Amino acid sequence: MMNSKKIIDIYVCSSCKRFHAEKKQNCYYCNSLLVLKETAKFGTLYSFTMVPEKMDAISEDKMLVLVDMDEGIKILGELENNFSDQVLIGMKMEIVSIHEKKIIFALVNRE
């Protein structure tokens, strides 16, 4: 469910500044401590790619997105629904959830 707040809390490495979807004691890249940081939920699609999953009936391809957040940082995540035919660089994106070691983005509804 989408939250109407414009900010979200996310874990950031105190040294290498990488973002983490789950709370761990240390960064799995450089082993430094993680800190909870408040960040904007909105950004602009910078890049994307489709990642094929296993070739069985229940697996679906994933779309990975690199989003340039409104405060100038880039976050890698997964698109909530794979609307690959509707996705274009420069579209507005929003973090809608953080779970299962993933940051999930959705296209911002245009009204």
N, C-alpha and C. Protein backbone atom coordinates (compact mmCIF):
# COMPACT_ATOMS: atom_id res chain seq x y z
N MET A 1 0.84 -1.19 0.00
CA MET A 1 0.00 0.00 0.00
C MET A 1 0.88 1.24 0.00
N MET A 2 0.52 2.22 -0.82
CA MET A 2 1.32 3.42 -0.93
C MET A 2 1.07 4.35 0.24
N ASN A 3 2.12 4.96 0.66
CA ASN A 3 2.11 5.89 1.76
C ASN A 3 2.13 7.30 1.20
N SER A 4 1.34 8.20 1.74
CA SER A 4 1.26 9.56 1.22
C SER A 4 2.42 10.44 1.68
N LYS A 5 3.26 9.95 2.60
CA LYS A 5 4.41 10.72 3.05
C LYS A 5 5.40 10.89 1.91
N LYS A 6 6.11 12.00 1.91
CA LYS A 6 7.09 12.27 0.85
C LYS A 6 8.49 11.82 1.21
N ILE A 7 8.67 11.30 2.43
CA ILE A 7 9.97 10.82 2.87
C ILE A 7 9.85 9.38 3.36
N ILE A 8 11.00 8.71 3.42
CA ILE A 8 11.04 7.33 3.87
C ILE A 8 12.36 7.12 4.62
N ASP A 9 12.36 6.22 5.58
CA ASP A 9 13.58 5.88 6.31
C ASP A 9 14.26 4.72 5.60
N ILE A 10 15.57 4.83 5.41
CA ILE A 10 16.33 3.80 4.71
C ILE A 10 17.71 3.69 5.37
N TYR A 11 18.30 2.50 5.35
CA TYR A 11 19.61 2.29 5.94
C TYR A 11 20.71 2.65 4.94
N VAL A 12 21.71 3.41 5.43
CA VAL A 12 22.81 3.87 4.60
C VAL A 12 24.12 3.53 5.30
N CYS A 13 25.09 3.08 4.54
CA CYS A 13 26.41 2.78 5.09
C CYS A 13 27.09 4.08 5.52
N SER A 14 27.66 4.08 6.71
CA SER A 14 28.32 5.28 7.23
C SER A 14 29.63 5.59 6.51
N SER A 15 30.16 4.62 5.76
CA SER A 15 31.42 4.83 5.06
C SER A 15 31.25 4.96 3.54
N CYS A 16 30.75 3.90 2.89
CA CYS A 16 30.65 3.92 1.42
C CYS A 16 29.35 4.53 0.90
N LYS A 17 28.41 4.84 1.80
CA LYS A 17 27.14 5.52 1.48
C LYS A 17 26.18 4.70 0.62
N ARG A 18 26.37 3.38 0.54
CA ARG A 18 25.43 2.54 -0.19
C ARG A 18 24.16 2.35 0.63
N PHE A 19 23.04 2.18 -0.09
CA PHE A 19 21.75 2.01 0.55
C PHE A 19 21.46 0.53 0.73
N HIS A 20 20.79 0.21 1.83
CA HIS A 20 20.47 -1.18 2.16
C HIS A 20 18.98 -1.29 2.47
N ALA A 21 18.35 -2.31 1.92
CA ALA A 21 16.91 -2.49 2.11
C ALA A 21 16.58 -3.08 3.47
N GLU A 22 17.52 -3.75 4.09
CA GLU A 22 17.23 -4.36 5.39
C GLU A 22 18.25 -3.91 6.43
N LYS A 23 17.83 -3.99 7.68
CA LYS A 23 18.68 -3.59 8.79
C LYS A 23 19.67 -4.71 9.10
N LYS A 24 20.89 -4.40 8.96
CA LYS A 24 22.00 -5.26 9.37
C LYS A 24 22.92 -4.42 10.23
N GLN A 25 23.77 -5.05 10.97
CA GLN A 25 24.73 -4.31 11.79
C GLN A 25 25.74 -3.59 10.91
N ASN A 26 26.20 -4.30 9.84
CA ASN A 26 27.26 -3.76 9.01
C ASN A 26 26.91 -3.83 7.53
N CYS A 27 27.56 -2.97 6.76
CA CYS A 27 27.42 -2.94 5.30
C CYS A 27 28.03 -4.21 4.72
N TYR A 28 27.35 -4.85 3.78
CA TYR A 28 27.91 -6.06 3.19
C TYR A 28 28.89 -5.77 2.08
N TYR A 29 29.16 -4.50 1.79
CA TYR A 29 30.19 -4.13 0.82
C TYR A 29 31.51 -3.81 1.51
N CYS A 30 31.45 -2.98 2.57
CA CYS A 30 32.70 -2.52 3.20
C CYS A 30 32.77 -2.82 4.71
N ASN A 31 31.73 -3.41 5.27
CA ASN A 31 31.67 -3.83 6.68
C ASN A 31 31.59 -2.67 7.67
N SER A 32 31.28 -1.45 7.22
CA SER A 32 31.08 -0.31 8.13
C SER A 32 29.67 -0.35 8.71
N LEU A 33 29.44 0.44 9.74
CA LEU A 33 28.13 0.49 10.39
C LEU A 33 27.08 1.12 9.49
N LEU A 34 25.83 0.66 9.63
CA LEU A 34 24.71 1.25 8.92
C LEU A 34 24.00 2.23 9.83
N VAL A 35 23.50 3.31 9.23
CA VAL A 35 22.73 4.29 9.98
C VAL A 35 21.38 4.49 9.28
N LEU A 36 20.36 4.79 10.05
CA LEU A 36 19.04 5.04 9.50
C LEU A 36 18.98 6.49 9.03
N LYS A 37 18.58 6.68 7.77
CA LYS A 37 18.55 8.03 7.19
C LYS A 37 17.18 8.28 6.59
N GLU A 38 16.71 9.50 6.74
CA GLU A 38 15.46 9.93 6.13
C GLU A 38 15.79 10.46 4.73
N THR A 39 15.06 9.97 3.72
CA THR A 39 15.32 10.40 2.35
C THR A 39 14.01 10.62 1.61
N ALA A 40 14.07 11.39 0.55
CA ALA A 40 12.88 11.61 -0.28
C ALA A 40 12.47 10.31 -0.94
N LYS A 41 11.18 10.10 -1.12
CA LYS A 41 10.66 8.89 -1.77
C LYS A 41 10.59 9.02 -3.28
N PHE A 42 10.78 10.20 -3.81
CA PHE A 42 10.57 10.44 -5.23
C PHE A 42 11.87 10.70 -5.98
N GLY A 43 11.88 10.32 -7.25
CA GLY A 43 13.04 10.55 -8.08
C GLY A 43 12.68 10.39 -9.55
N THR A 44 13.71 10.42 -10.38
CA THR A 44 13.55 10.32 -11.82
C THR A 44 14.31 9.10 -12.32
N LEU A 45 13.68 8.33 -13.19
CA LEU A 45 14.30 7.13 -13.72
C LEU A 45 15.55 7.51 -14.52
N TYR A 46 16.69 6.98 -14.09
CA TYR A 46 17.97 7.27 -14.70
C TYR A 46 18.36 6.18 -15.70
N SER A 47 18.05 4.91 -15.34
CA SER A 47 18.40 3.78 -16.19
C SER A 47 17.56 2.58 -15.76
N PHE A 48 17.39 1.61 -16.67
CA PHE A 48 16.68 0.38 -16.32
C PHE A 48 17.13 -0.77 -17.20
N THR A 49 16.90 -1.98 -16.72
CA THR A 49 17.21 -3.18 -17.50
C THR A 49 16.31 -4.32 -17.05
N MET A 50 16.01 -5.22 -17.97
CA MET A 50 15.24 -6.42 -17.64
C MET A 50 16.22 -7.52 -17.27
N VAL A 51 15.89 -8.26 -16.21
CA VAL A 51 16.71 -9.38 -15.76
C VAL A 51 15.87 -10.64 -15.90
N PRO A 52 16.26 -11.56 -16.79
CA PRO A 52 15.46 -12.78 -16.96
C PRO A 52 15.56 -13.69 -15.74
N GLU A 53 14.45 -14.26 -15.37
CA GLU A 53 14.40 -15.22 -14.27
C GLU A 53 14.45 -16.63 -14.85
N LYS A 54 14.35 -17.60 -13.98
CA LYS A 54 14.35 -19.00 -14.43
C LYS A 54 13.23 -19.24 -15.42
N MET A 55 13.45 -20.18 -16.27
CA MET A 55 12.49 -20.48 -17.33
C MET A 55 11.43 -21.48 -16.88
N ASP A 56 10.63 -21.11 -15.91
CA ASP A 56 9.51 -21.96 -15.53
C ASP A 56 8.24 -21.12 -15.46
N ALA A 57 7.14 -21.77 -15.26
CA ALA A 57 5.83 -21.09 -15.36
C ALA A 57 5.61 -20.06 -14.27
N ILE A 58 6.23 -20.20 -13.10
CA ILE A 58 5.94 -19.28 -12.01
C ILE A 58 6.90 -18.10 -11.91
N SER A 59 8.02 -18.15 -12.58
CA SER A 59 8.98 -17.05 -12.51
C SER A 59 8.69 -16.00 -13.58
N GLU A 60 8.90 -14.75 -13.21
CA GLU A 60 8.74 -13.64 -14.14
C GLU A 60 10.04 -12.87 -14.22
N ASP A 61 10.27 -12.22 -15.35
CA ASP A 61 11.42 -11.34 -15.47
C ASP A 61 11.26 -10.17 -14.50
N LYS A 62 12.39 -9.63 -14.06
CA LYS A 62 12.38 -8.47 -13.17
C LYS A 62 12.92 -7.27 -13.93
N MET A 63 12.39 -6.11 -13.61
CA MET A 63 12.95 -4.89 -14.15
C MET A 63 13.69 -4.17 -13.03
N LEU A 64 15.01 -4.03 -13.20
CA LEU A 64 15.81 -3.28 -12.25
C LEU A 64 15.86 -1.83 -12.73
N VAL A 65 15.74 -0.91 -11.77
CA VAL A 65 15.73 0.51 -12.10
C VAL A 65 16.77 1.24 -11.26
N LEU A 66 17.45 2.18 -11.87
CA LEU A 66 18.35 3.08 -11.16
C LEU A 66 17.67 4.44 -11.16
N VAL A 67 17.34 4.91 -9.97
CA VAL A 67 16.55 6.14 -9.83
C VAL A 67 17.40 7.24 -9.21
N ASP A 68 17.41 8.38 -9.88
CA ASP A 68 18.08 9.57 -9.38
C ASP A 68 17.09 10.28 -8.47
N MET A 69 17.29 10.12 -7.17
CA MET A 69 16.35 10.65 -6.19
C MET A 69 16.39 12.18 -6.17
N ASP A 70 15.30 12.79 -5.71
CA ASP A 70 15.17 14.25 -5.73
C ASP A 70 16.29 14.96 -4.97
N GLU A 71 16.91 14.29 -4.00
CA GLU A 71 17.99 14.94 -3.25
C GLU A 71 19.37 14.68 -3.84
N GLY A 72 19.41 14.06 -5.04
CA GLY A 72 20.66 13.92 -5.77
C GLY A 72 21.41 12.62 -5.61
N ILE A 73 20.86 11.65 -4.91
CA ILE A 73 21.50 10.34 -4.78
C ILE A 73 20.84 9.36 -5.72
N LYS A 74 21.53 8.30 -6.10
CA LYS A 74 20.95 7.28 -6.97
C LYS A 74 20.75 6.00 -6.17
N ILE A 75 19.57 5.38 -6.35
CA ILE A 75 19.24 4.14 -5.65
C ILE A 75 18.83 3.10 -6.68
N LEU A 76 19.39 1.89 -6.53
CA LEU A 76 19.04 0.77 -7.38
C LEU A 76 17.91 -0.01 -6.72
N GLY A 77 16.88 -0.34 -7.47
CA GLY A 77 15.75 -1.09 -6.93
C GLY A 77 15.07 -1.88 -8.02
N GLU A 78 13.89 -2.35 -7.70
CA GLU A 78 13.11 -3.16 -8.63
C GLU A 78 11.78 -2.47 -8.89
N LEU A 79 11.31 -2.53 -10.13
CA LEU A 79 10.02 -1.93 -10.46
C LEU A 79 8.90 -2.84 -9.97
N GLU A 80 7.90 -2.27 -9.33
CA GLU A 80 6.80 -3.02 -8.72
C GLU A 80 6.08 -3.91 -9.73
N ASN A 81 5.72 -3.37 -10.86
CA ASN A 81 5.08 -4.14 -11.93
C ASN A 81 5.91 -3.92 -13.18
N ASN A 82 6.16 -4.99 -13.90
CA ASN A 82 7.04 -4.89 -15.06
C ASN A 82 6.31 -4.36 -16.29
N PHE A 83 6.06 -3.07 -16.30
CA PHE A 83 5.41 -2.43 -17.45
C PHE A 83 6.49 -2.00 -18.43
N SER A 84 7.26 -2.95 -18.94
CA SER A 84 8.42 -2.61 -19.76
C SER A 84 8.05 -1.81 -21.00
N ASP A 85 6.84 -1.98 -21.49
CA ASP A 85 6.43 -1.22 -22.68
C ASP A 85 6.04 0.22 -22.35
N GLN A 86 5.94 0.56 -21.06
CA GLN A 86 5.53 1.90 -20.65
C GLN A 86 6.65 2.68 -19.96
N VAL A 87 7.81 2.08 -19.79
CA VAL A 87 8.88 2.71 -19.02
C VAL A 87 9.84 3.46 -19.94
N LEU A 88 10.11 4.73 -19.58
CA LEU A 88 11.02 5.57 -20.34
C LEU A 88 11.95 6.30 -19.38
N ILE A 89 13.19 6.49 -19.79
CA ILE A 89 14.13 7.29 -19.01
C ILE A 89 13.50 8.66 -18.77
N GLY A 90 13.63 9.17 -17.55
CA GLY A 90 13.09 10.48 -17.22
C GLY A 90 11.73 10.44 -16.54
N MET A 91 11.11 9.25 -16.46
CA MET A 91 9.81 9.15 -15.79
C MET A 91 9.98 9.31 -14.28
N LYS A 92 8.95 9.85 -13.63
CA LYS A 92 8.96 10.02 -12.18
C LYS A 92 8.71 8.67 -11.51
N MET A 93 9.48 8.39 -10.45
CA MET A 93 9.39 7.14 -9.72
C MET A 93 9.21 7.43 -8.23
N GLU A 94 8.69 6.44 -7.51
CA GLU A 94 8.48 6.57 -6.07
C GLU A 94 8.83 5.26 -5.39
N ILE A 95 9.52 5.33 -4.24
CA ILE A 95 9.75 4.14 -3.42
C ILE A 95 8.42 3.81 -2.77
N VAL A 96 7.91 2.59 -3.02
CA VAL A 96 6.62 2.20 -2.43
C VAL A 96 6.79 1.19 -1.31
N SER A 97 7.89 0.47 -1.28
CA SER A 97 8.12 -0.45 -0.17
C SER A 97 9.58 -0.87 -0.11
N ILE A 98 9.96 -1.33 1.05
CA ILE A 98 11.28 -1.89 1.27
C ILE A 98 11.07 -3.19 2.01
N HIS A 99 11.34 -4.31 1.33
CA HIS A 99 11.14 -5.61 1.96
C HIS A 99 11.93 -6.68 1.22
N GLU A 100 12.11 -7.81 1.86
CA GLU A 100 12.80 -8.95 1.27
C GLU A 100 14.12 -8.55 0.63
N LYS A 101 14.89 -7.71 1.32
CA LYS A 101 16.19 -7.25 0.84
C LYS A 101 16.10 -6.43 -0.44
N LYS A 102 14.91 -5.89 -0.75
CA LYS A 102 14.72 -5.13 -1.99
C LYS A 102 14.07 -3.79 -1.72
N ILE A 103 14.45 -2.81 -2.53
CA ILE A 103 13.78 -1.52 -2.56
C ILE A 103 12.89 -1.55 -3.79
N ILE A 104 11.59 -1.34 -3.59
CA ILE A 104 10.61 -1.45 -4.66
C ILE A 104 10.13 -0.06 -5.07
N PHE A 105 10.21 0.20 -6.38
CA PHE A 105 9.76 1.47 -6.95
C PHE A 105 8.48 1.23 -7.77
N ALA A 106 7.73 2.31 -7.96
CA ALA A 106 6.56 2.30 -8.85
C ALA A 106 6.58 3.59 -9.66
N LEU A 107 5.97 3.53 -10.83
CA LEU A 107 5.81 4.74 -11.62
C LEU A 107 4.84 5.66 -10.88
N VAL A 108 5.13 6.95 -10.86
CA VAL A 108 4.25 7.91 -10.22
C VAL A 108 3.06 8.14 -11.14
N ASN A 109 1.86 8.04 -10.58
CA ASN A 109 0.65 8.27 -11.39
C ASN A 109 0.61 9.71 -11.86
N ARG A 110 0.32 9.86 -13.12
CA ARG A 110 0.16 11.20 -13.67
C ARG A 110 -1.31 11.55 -13.66
N GLU A 111 -1.62 12.64 -13.02
CA GLU A 111 -3.03 13.04 -12.90
C GLU A 111 -3.34 14.21 -13.77
